[in-house]
């Protein structure tokens, strides 16, 4: 199966891009006090990625952006920075109870917003499967990028 885009695919791709952009805005409005960038960092750290450099690479963010976002999360008691024993330059990120609660609340609210959209889908189950497939594809792409980073 070819991954090449054909001219016939271009209208569908444009439509998909618009849909994702609108969905992102809708989800951000539902995320409460978190921006999508803050949500993404919090969720990534909660999934076990403890180093800012891995967060930056995995989420394709500039290191200063990650630092500013982590600073915001630390200031609000959602994430802590902990020294790594034996490595004075390394810092481990950890989600606090407050951070875990904020993450659950944001995901619940964003899930409710997504459910409102799914109510209007021609085939709710197919759309949900497609979104899960997109999640898998993005996770695989991230995994490949992180493996490349480790090798270089």
N, C-alpha and C. Protein backbone atom coordinates (compact mmCIF):
# COMPACT_ATOMS: atom_id res chain seq x y z
N UNK A 1 0.84 -1.16 0.00
CA UNK A 1 0.00 0.00 0.00
C UNK A 1 0.89 1.23 0.00
N UNK A 2 0.65 2.15 -0.90
CA UNK A 2 1.46 3.35 -1.05
C UNK A 2 1.01 4.42 -0.07
N UNK A 3 2.00 5.14 0.48
CA UNK A 3 1.69 6.27 1.36
C UNK A 3 1.72 7.59 0.60
N UNK A 4 1.98 7.54 -0.71
CA UNK A 4 2.07 8.75 -1.51
C UNK A 4 0.69 9.39 -1.66
N UNK A 5 0.69 10.72 -1.60
CA UNK A 5 -0.54 11.48 -1.78
C UNK A 5 -0.78 11.71 -3.26
N UNK A 6 -1.99 11.45 -3.70
CA UNK A 6 -2.35 11.72 -5.09
C UNK A 6 -3.18 12.99 -5.13
N UNK A 7 -3.26 13.62 -6.32
CA UNK A 7 -4.10 14.83 -6.43
C UNK A 7 -5.54 14.59 -5.96
N UNK A 8 -6.04 13.38 -6.15
CA UNK A 8 -7.41 13.07 -5.73
C UNK A 8 -7.54 13.11 -4.21
N UNK A 9 -6.43 12.87 -3.48
CA UNK A 9 -6.46 12.87 -2.02
C UNK A 9 -6.43 14.28 -1.42
N UNK A 10 -6.00 15.26 -2.21
CA UNK A 10 -5.77 16.59 -1.65
C UNK A 10 -7.02 17.21 -1.01
N UNK A 11 -8.20 17.13 -1.61
CA UNK A 11 -9.37 17.69 -0.92
C UNK A 11 -9.66 16.98 0.41
N UNK A 12 -9.49 15.66 0.43
CA UNK A 12 -9.70 14.93 1.68
C UNK A 12 -8.67 15.32 2.73
N UNK A 13 -7.42 15.48 2.31
CA UNK A 13 -6.39 15.88 3.26
C UNK A 13 -6.68 17.28 3.81
N UNK A 14 -7.08 18.19 2.95
CA UNK A 14 -7.43 19.54 3.41
C UNK A 14 -8.58 19.50 4.40
N UNK A 15 -9.57 18.70 4.10
CA UNK A 15 -10.71 18.56 5.00
C UNK A 15 -10.27 17.96 6.34
N UNK A 16 -9.40 16.96 6.29
CA UNK A 16 -8.90 16.31 7.52
C UNK A 16 -8.10 17.30 8.36
N UNK A 17 -7.28 18.11 7.72
CA UNK A 17 -6.49 19.11 8.43
C UNK A 17 -7.41 20.11 9.12
N UNK A 18 -8.41 20.60 8.40
CA UNK A 18 -9.37 21.53 9.00
C UNK A 18 -10.09 20.89 10.19
N UNK A 19 -10.49 19.64 10.02
CA UNK A 19 -11.19 18.94 11.10
C UNK A 19 -10.30 18.81 12.34
N UNK A 20 -9.04 18.45 12.14
CA UNK A 20 -8.13 18.31 13.28
C UNK A 20 -7.89 19.65 13.96
N UNK A 21 -7.73 20.71 13.17
CA UNK A 21 -7.52 22.04 13.75
C UNK A 21 -8.73 22.49 14.57
N UNK A 22 -9.92 22.27 14.03
CA UNK A 22 -11.14 22.63 14.76
C UNK A 22 -11.33 21.76 16.00
N UNK A 23 -11.02 20.47 15.87
CA UNK A 23 -11.13 19.57 17.01
C UNK A 23 -10.16 19.97 18.11
N UNK A 24 -8.94 20.35 17.72
CA UNK A 24 -7.95 20.77 18.71
C UNK A 24 -8.46 21.98 19.49
N UNK A 25 -9.02 22.94 18.80
CA UNK A 25 -9.54 24.13 19.47
C UNK A 25 -10.70 23.76 20.40
N UNK A 26 -11.56 22.90 19.94
CA UNK A 26 -12.69 22.47 20.76
C UNK A 26 -12.22 21.74 22.01
N UNK A 27 -11.23 20.87 21.85
CA UNK A 27 -10.70 20.14 23.00
C UNK A 27 -9.99 21.08 23.97
N UNK A 28 -9.26 22.05 23.44
CA UNK A 28 -8.56 22.99 24.32
C UNK A 28 -9.57 23.77 25.15
N UNK A 29 -10.67 24.17 24.55
CA UNK A 29 -11.69 24.91 25.29
C UNK A 29 -12.29 24.04 26.40
N UNK A 30 -12.27 22.73 26.21
CA UNK A 30 -12.83 21.82 27.20
C UNK A 30 -11.82 21.40 28.26
N UNK A 31 -10.55 21.77 28.09
CA UNK A 31 -9.48 21.27 28.97
C UNK A 31 -9.35 22.04 30.28
N UNK A 32 -10.24 22.96 30.53
CA UNK A 32 -10.20 23.69 31.79
C UNK A 32 -9.04 24.67 31.82
N UNK A 33 -8.25 24.62 32.88
CA UNK A 33 -7.14 25.55 33.06
C UNK A 33 -5.91 25.20 32.21
N UNK A 34 -5.91 24.03 31.60
CA UNK A 34 -4.75 23.59 30.82
C UNK A 34 -4.88 23.99 29.36
N UNK A 35 -3.78 24.43 28.77
CA UNK A 35 -3.73 24.57 27.32
C UNK A 35 -3.45 23.18 26.76
N UNK A 36 -3.61 23.01 25.47
CA UNK A 36 -3.28 21.70 24.89
C UNK A 36 -1.80 21.37 25.09
N UNK A 37 -0.93 22.36 24.97
CA UNK A 37 0.51 22.11 25.19
C UNK A 37 0.76 21.63 26.62
N UNK A 38 0.13 22.27 27.59
CA UNK A 38 0.29 21.84 28.98
C UNK A 38 -0.30 20.45 29.20
N UNK A 39 -1.46 20.20 28.61
CA UNK A 39 -2.07 18.88 28.70
C UNK A 39 -1.14 17.82 28.11
N UNK A 40 -0.60 18.10 26.91
CA UNK A 40 0.27 17.13 26.24
C UNK A 40 1.50 16.81 27.09
N UNK A 41 2.13 17.83 27.67
CA UNK A 41 3.32 17.60 28.50
C UNK A 41 2.93 16.81 29.75
N UNK A 42 1.85 17.21 30.40
CA UNK A 42 1.40 16.51 31.61
C UNK A 42 1.09 15.04 31.30
N UNK A 43 0.38 14.79 30.22
CA UNK A 43 0.03 13.42 29.84
C UNK A 43 1.28 12.62 29.48
N UNK A 44 2.23 13.25 28.80
CA UNK A 44 3.45 12.55 28.39
C UNK A 44 4.29 12.18 29.61
N UNK A 45 4.40 13.09 30.56
CA UNK A 45 5.13 12.79 31.79
C UNK A 45 4.39 11.70 32.57
N UNK A 46 3.08 11.79 32.64
CA UNK A 46 2.29 10.78 33.35
C UNK A 46 2.44 9.39 32.73
N UNK A 47 2.73 9.33 31.43
CA UNK A 47 2.89 8.03 30.78
C UNK A 47 4.27 7.44 31.00
N UNK A 48 5.11 8.12 31.79
CA UNK A 48 6.39 7.53 32.17
C UNK A 48 7.62 8.19 31.59
N UNK A 49 7.46 9.25 30.85
CA UNK A 49 8.62 9.94 30.27
C UNK A 49 9.06 11.01 31.26
N UNK A 50 10.22 10.79 31.88
CA UNK A 50 10.63 11.58 33.02
C UNK A 50 11.60 12.72 32.71
N UNK A 51 12.19 12.74 31.56
CA UNK A 51 13.22 13.74 31.26
C UNK A 51 12.69 14.79 30.29
N UNK A 52 13.02 16.04 30.55
CA UNK A 52 12.55 17.13 29.68
C UNK A 52 13.03 16.95 28.25
N UNK A 53 14.25 16.44 28.08
CA UNK A 53 14.76 16.26 26.72
C UNK A 53 13.94 15.22 25.96
N UNK A 54 13.49 14.18 26.64
CA UNK A 54 12.64 13.15 26.01
C UNK A 54 11.26 13.74 25.73
N UNK A 55 10.75 14.55 26.65
CA UNK A 55 9.46 15.20 26.43
C UNK A 55 9.54 16.09 25.19
N UNK A 56 10.60 16.89 25.10
CA UNK A 56 10.77 17.79 23.96
C UNK A 56 10.84 17.00 22.65
N UNK A 57 11.64 15.96 22.63
CA UNK A 57 11.79 15.17 21.40
C UNK A 57 10.51 14.41 21.07
N UNK A 58 9.91 13.79 22.07
CA UNK A 58 8.71 12.99 21.83
C UNK A 58 7.54 13.81 21.36
N UNK A 59 7.40 15.02 21.88
CA UNK A 59 6.28 15.88 21.51
C UNK A 59 6.64 16.87 20.41
N UNK A 60 7.87 16.78 19.92
CA UNK A 60 8.37 17.67 18.86
C UNK A 60 8.22 19.14 19.27
N UNK A 61 8.68 19.44 20.49
CA UNK A 61 8.65 20.80 21.01
C UNK A 61 10.07 21.28 21.24
N UNK A 62 10.27 22.57 21.15
CA UNK A 62 11.57 23.14 21.46
C UNK A 62 11.81 23.02 22.97
N UNK A 63 13.06 22.80 23.35
CA UNK A 63 13.38 22.65 24.78
C UNK A 63 12.94 23.85 25.61
N UNK A 64 13.12 25.10 25.12
CA UNK A 64 12.62 26.23 25.92
C UNK A 64 11.09 26.19 26.12
N UNK A 65 10.37 25.68 25.14
CA UNK A 65 8.92 25.55 25.27
C UNK A 65 8.58 24.54 26.36
N UNK A 66 9.30 23.43 26.37
CA UNK A 66 9.07 22.41 27.40
C UNK A 66 9.42 22.98 28.77
N UNK A 67 10.55 23.69 28.86
CA UNK A 67 10.95 24.28 30.14
C UNK A 67 9.89 25.23 30.66
N UNK A 68 9.37 26.11 29.80
CA UNK A 68 8.34 27.06 30.22
C UNK A 68 7.06 26.33 30.64
N UNK A 69 6.70 25.30 29.91
CA UNK A 69 5.49 24.54 30.23
C UNK A 69 5.67 23.79 31.54
N UNK A 70 6.82 23.16 31.72
CA UNK A 70 7.09 22.45 32.98
C UNK A 70 7.13 23.44 34.14
N UNK A 71 7.73 24.60 33.93
CA UNK A 71 7.73 25.63 34.99
C UNK A 71 6.31 25.96 35.42
N UNK A 72 5.41 26.14 34.43
CA UNK A 72 4.01 26.45 34.73
C UNK A 72 3.37 25.32 35.53
N UNK A 73 3.62 24.08 35.11
CA UNK A 73 3.05 22.92 35.80
C UNK A 73 3.63 22.77 37.22
N UNK A 74 4.92 23.05 37.39
CA UNK A 74 5.56 23.00 38.71
C UNK A 74 4.97 24.09 39.61
N UNK A 75 4.85 25.30 39.07
CA UNK A 75 4.30 26.43 39.86
C UNK A 75 2.90 26.14 40.36
N UNK A 76 2.14 25.33 39.65
CA UNK A 76 0.78 25.00 40.05
C UNK A 76 0.69 23.66 40.79
N UNK A 77 1.83 23.08 41.11
CA UNK A 77 1.85 21.86 41.92
C UNK A 77 1.42 20.61 41.17
N UNK A 78 1.49 20.62 39.85
CA UNK A 78 1.07 19.46 39.06
C UNK A 78 2.22 18.53 38.71
N UNK A 79 3.43 19.07 38.70
CA UNK A 79 4.62 18.30 38.36
C UNK A 79 5.73 18.71 39.33
N UNK A 80 6.59 17.76 39.66
CA UNK A 80 7.78 18.08 40.45
C UNK A 80 9.02 17.76 39.62
N UNK A 81 10.09 18.45 39.96
CA UNK A 81 11.41 18.14 39.41
C UNK A 81 12.20 17.50 40.55
N UNK A 82 12.82 16.36 40.24
CA UNK A 82 13.60 15.64 41.25
C UNK A 82 14.99 15.36 40.70
N UNK A 83 15.98 15.52 41.56
CA UNK A 83 17.36 15.23 41.15
C UNK A 83 17.50 13.72 40.89
N UNK A 84 18.36 13.40 39.93
CA UNK A 84 18.66 12.01 39.62
C UNK A 84 19.94 11.65 40.36
N UNK A 85 19.86 10.63 41.21
CA UNK A 85 21.03 10.22 41.99
C UNK A 85 22.19 9.86 41.05
N UNK A 86 23.36 10.42 41.34
CA UNK A 86 24.53 10.09 40.56
C UNK A 86 24.69 10.90 39.28
N UNK A 87 23.75 11.80 38.99
CA UNK A 87 23.84 12.61 37.77
C UNK A 87 23.37 14.02 38.10
N UNK A 88 24.32 14.89 38.40
CA UNK A 88 23.97 16.24 38.87
C UNK A 88 23.29 17.08 37.80
N UNK A 89 23.46 16.73 36.52
CA UNK A 89 22.86 17.53 35.45
C UNK A 89 21.44 17.08 35.10
N UNK A 90 21.07 15.88 35.50
CA UNK A 90 19.76 15.34 35.11
C UNK A 90 18.69 15.62 36.16
N UNK A 91 17.50 15.85 35.65
CA UNK A 91 16.34 16.08 36.49
C UNK A 91 15.23 15.16 36.01
N UNK A 92 14.55 14.53 36.94
CA UNK A 92 13.44 13.64 36.64
C UNK A 92 12.15 14.41 36.91
N UNK A 93 11.20 14.31 35.98
CA UNK A 93 9.89 14.93 36.15
C UNK A 93 8.92 13.89 36.69
N UNK A 94 8.06 14.31 37.59
CA UNK A 94 7.05 13.40 38.14
C UNK A 94 5.73 14.16 38.30
N UNK A 95 4.65 13.49 37.97
CA UNK A 95 3.31 14.08 38.13
C UNK A 95 2.88 13.91 39.58
N UNK A 96 2.37 14.99 40.17
CA UNK A 96 1.88 14.96 41.54
C UNK A 96 0.42 14.47 41.56
N UNK A 97 -0.11 14.31 42.74
CA UNK A 97 -1.53 13.95 42.86
C UNK A 97 -2.41 15.03 42.24
N UNK A 98 -2.06 16.28 42.49
CA UNK A 98 -2.81 17.39 41.90
C UNK A 98 -2.74 17.33 40.38
N UNK A 99 -1.56 17.02 39.83
CA UNK A 99 -1.40 16.89 38.39
C UNK A 99 -2.21 15.75 37.82
N UNK A 100 -2.20 14.62 38.52
CA UNK A 100 -2.97 13.45 38.07
C UNK A 100 -4.47 13.78 38.08
N UNK A 101 -4.91 14.49 39.11
CA UNK A 101 -6.33 14.89 39.18
C UNK A 101 -6.68 15.86 38.05
N UNK A 102 -5.79 16.82 37.78
CA UNK A 102 -6.02 17.77 36.69
C UNK A 102 -6.07 17.05 35.34
N UNK A 103 -5.20 16.07 35.17
CA UNK A 103 -5.17 15.30 33.93
C UNK A 103 -6.46 14.52 33.75
N UNK A 104 -6.91 13.84 34.81
CA UNK A 104 -8.18 13.09 34.74
C UNK A 104 -9.35 14.02 34.44
N UNK A 105 -9.40 15.17 35.10
CA UNK A 105 -10.49 16.12 34.88
C UNK A 105 -10.49 16.64 33.45
N UNK A 106 -9.30 16.98 32.93
CA UNK A 106 -9.21 17.48 31.55
C UNK A 106 -9.64 16.40 30.57
N UNK A 107 -9.18 15.17 30.78
CA UNK A 107 -9.54 14.08 29.86
C UNK A 107 -11.03 13.77 29.92
N UNK A 108 -11.62 13.86 31.10
CA UNK A 108 -13.07 13.63 31.22
C UNK A 108 -13.84 14.70 30.45
N UNK A 109 -13.46 15.94 30.66
CA UNK A 109 -14.15 17.04 29.99
C UNK A 109 -13.92 16.99 28.47
N UNK A 110 -12.70 16.71 28.05
CA UNK A 110 -12.43 16.62 26.62
C UNK A 110 -13.14 15.41 26.01
N UNK A 111 -13.25 14.32 26.77
CA UNK A 111 -13.99 13.15 26.29
C UNK A 111 -15.46 13.46 26.10
N UNK A 112 -16.02 14.24 27.01
CA UNK A 112 -17.41 14.66 26.87
C UNK A 112 -17.60 15.53 25.63
N UNK A 113 -16.64 16.42 25.37
CA UNK A 113 -16.70 17.27 24.19
C UNK A 113 -16.61 16.41 22.93
N UNK A 114 -15.72 15.44 22.92
CA UNK A 114 -15.58 14.54 21.77
C UNK A 114 -16.86 13.76 21.56
N UNK A 115 -17.48 13.33 22.63
CA UNK A 115 -18.74 12.58 22.53
C UNK A 115 -19.81 13.43 21.85
N UNK A 116 -19.83 14.72 22.11
CA UNK A 116 -20.78 15.62 21.46
C UNK A 116 -20.56 15.66 19.95
N UNK A 117 -19.30 15.59 19.54
CA UNK A 117 -18.99 15.57 18.11
C UNK A 117 -19.37 14.21 17.52
N UNK A 118 -19.04 13.14 18.22
CA UNK A 118 -19.33 11.80 17.72
C UNK A 118 -20.83 11.57 17.51
N UNK A 119 -21.65 12.28 18.25
CA UNK A 119 -23.11 12.17 18.07
C UNK A 119 -23.54 12.59 16.66
N UNK A 120 -22.73 13.40 16.00
CA UNK A 120 -23.06 13.91 14.67
C UNK A 120 -22.38 13.13 13.54
N UNK A 121 -21.60 12.13 13.90
CA UNK A 121 -20.88 11.35 12.88
C UNK A 121 -21.83 10.41 12.16
N UNK A 122 -21.59 10.21 10.86
CA UNK A 122 -22.39 9.25 10.09
C UNK A 122 -22.20 7.84 10.65
N UNK A 123 -20.96 7.52 11.03
CA UNK A 123 -20.66 6.20 11.57
C UNK A 123 -19.76 6.40 12.79
N UNK A 124 -20.40 6.54 13.95
CA UNK A 124 -19.69 6.85 15.20
C UNK A 124 -18.57 5.86 15.47
N UNK A 125 -18.86 4.57 15.35
CA UNK A 125 -17.84 3.55 15.65
C UNK A 125 -16.66 3.64 14.69
N UNK A 126 -16.94 3.87 13.41
CA UNK A 126 -15.86 3.98 12.43
C UNK A 126 -14.98 5.20 12.72
N UNK A 127 -15.61 6.31 13.07
CA UNK A 127 -14.84 7.51 13.38
C UNK A 127 -13.99 7.29 14.63
N UNK A 128 -14.57 6.69 15.64
CA UNK A 128 -13.81 6.41 16.86
C UNK A 128 -12.64 5.46 16.57
N UNK A 129 -12.88 4.44 15.74
CA UNK A 129 -11.79 3.53 15.34
C UNK A 129 -10.71 4.29 14.59
N UNK A 130 -11.11 5.20 13.70
CA UNK A 130 -10.15 5.98 12.93
C UNK A 130 -9.32 6.88 13.86
N UNK A 131 -9.95 7.47 14.86
CA UNK A 131 -9.21 8.29 15.81
C UNK A 131 -8.24 7.46 16.63
N UNK A 132 -8.63 6.26 17.01
CA UNK A 132 -7.73 5.36 17.72
C UNK A 132 -6.57 4.93 16.83
N UNK A 133 -6.86 4.71 15.54
CA UNK A 133 -5.81 4.38 14.58
C UNK A 133 -4.85 5.55 14.44
N UNK A 134 -5.38 6.77 14.41
CA UNK A 134 -4.54 7.96 14.36
C UNK A 134 -3.65 8.03 15.60
N UNK A 135 -4.20 7.74 16.76
CA UNK A 135 -3.42 7.72 18.00
C UNK A 135 -2.28 6.70 17.90
N UNK A 136 -2.58 5.52 17.38
CA UNK A 136 -1.54 4.50 17.20
C UNK A 136 -0.47 4.96 16.22
N UNK A 137 -0.88 5.58 15.13
CA UNK A 137 0.08 6.06 14.13
C UNK A 137 0.97 7.15 14.71
N UNK A 138 0.39 8.06 15.47
CA UNK A 138 1.19 9.12 16.09
C UNK A 138 2.14 8.55 17.13
N UNK A 139 1.69 7.58 17.91
CA UNK A 139 2.55 6.95 18.91
C UNK A 139 3.71 6.21 18.23
N UNK A 140 3.42 5.52 17.12
CA UNK A 140 4.47 4.82 16.40
C UNK A 140 5.48 5.81 15.82
N UNK A 141 4.99 6.90 15.26
CA UNK A 141 5.88 7.94 14.72
C UNK A 141 6.77 8.51 15.82
N UNK A 142 6.19 8.75 16.99
CA UNK A 142 6.94 9.26 18.12
C UNK A 142 8.01 8.26 18.57
N UNK A 143 7.63 6.99 18.62
CA UNK A 143 8.57 5.94 19.03
C UNK A 143 9.76 5.90 18.09
N UNK A 144 9.51 5.99 16.78
CA UNK A 144 10.58 5.97 15.79
C UNK A 144 11.49 7.19 15.98
N UNK A 145 10.90 8.37 16.19
CA UNK A 145 11.71 9.58 16.41
C UNK A 145 12.57 9.45 17.64
N UNK A 146 12.00 8.91 18.73
CA UNK A 146 12.77 8.75 19.96
C UNK A 146 13.89 7.74 19.78
N UNK A 147 13.63 6.65 19.04
CA UNK A 147 14.70 5.67 18.79
C UNK A 147 15.83 6.30 17.98
N UNK A 148 15.48 7.11 16.98
CA UNK A 148 16.52 7.81 16.20
C UNK A 148 17.35 8.72 17.09
N UNK A 149 16.68 9.42 18.00
CA UNK A 149 17.37 10.35 18.90
C UNK A 149 18.35 9.59 19.79
N UNK A 150 17.94 8.44 20.29
CA UNK A 150 18.80 7.64 21.17
C UNK A 150 20.03 7.15 20.39
N UNK A 151 19.84 6.78 19.12
CA UNK A 151 20.96 6.27 18.31
C UNK A 151 21.94 7.36 17.93
N UNK A 152 21.47 8.60 17.83
CA UNK A 152 22.38 9.66 17.35
C UNK A 152 23.12 10.33 18.47
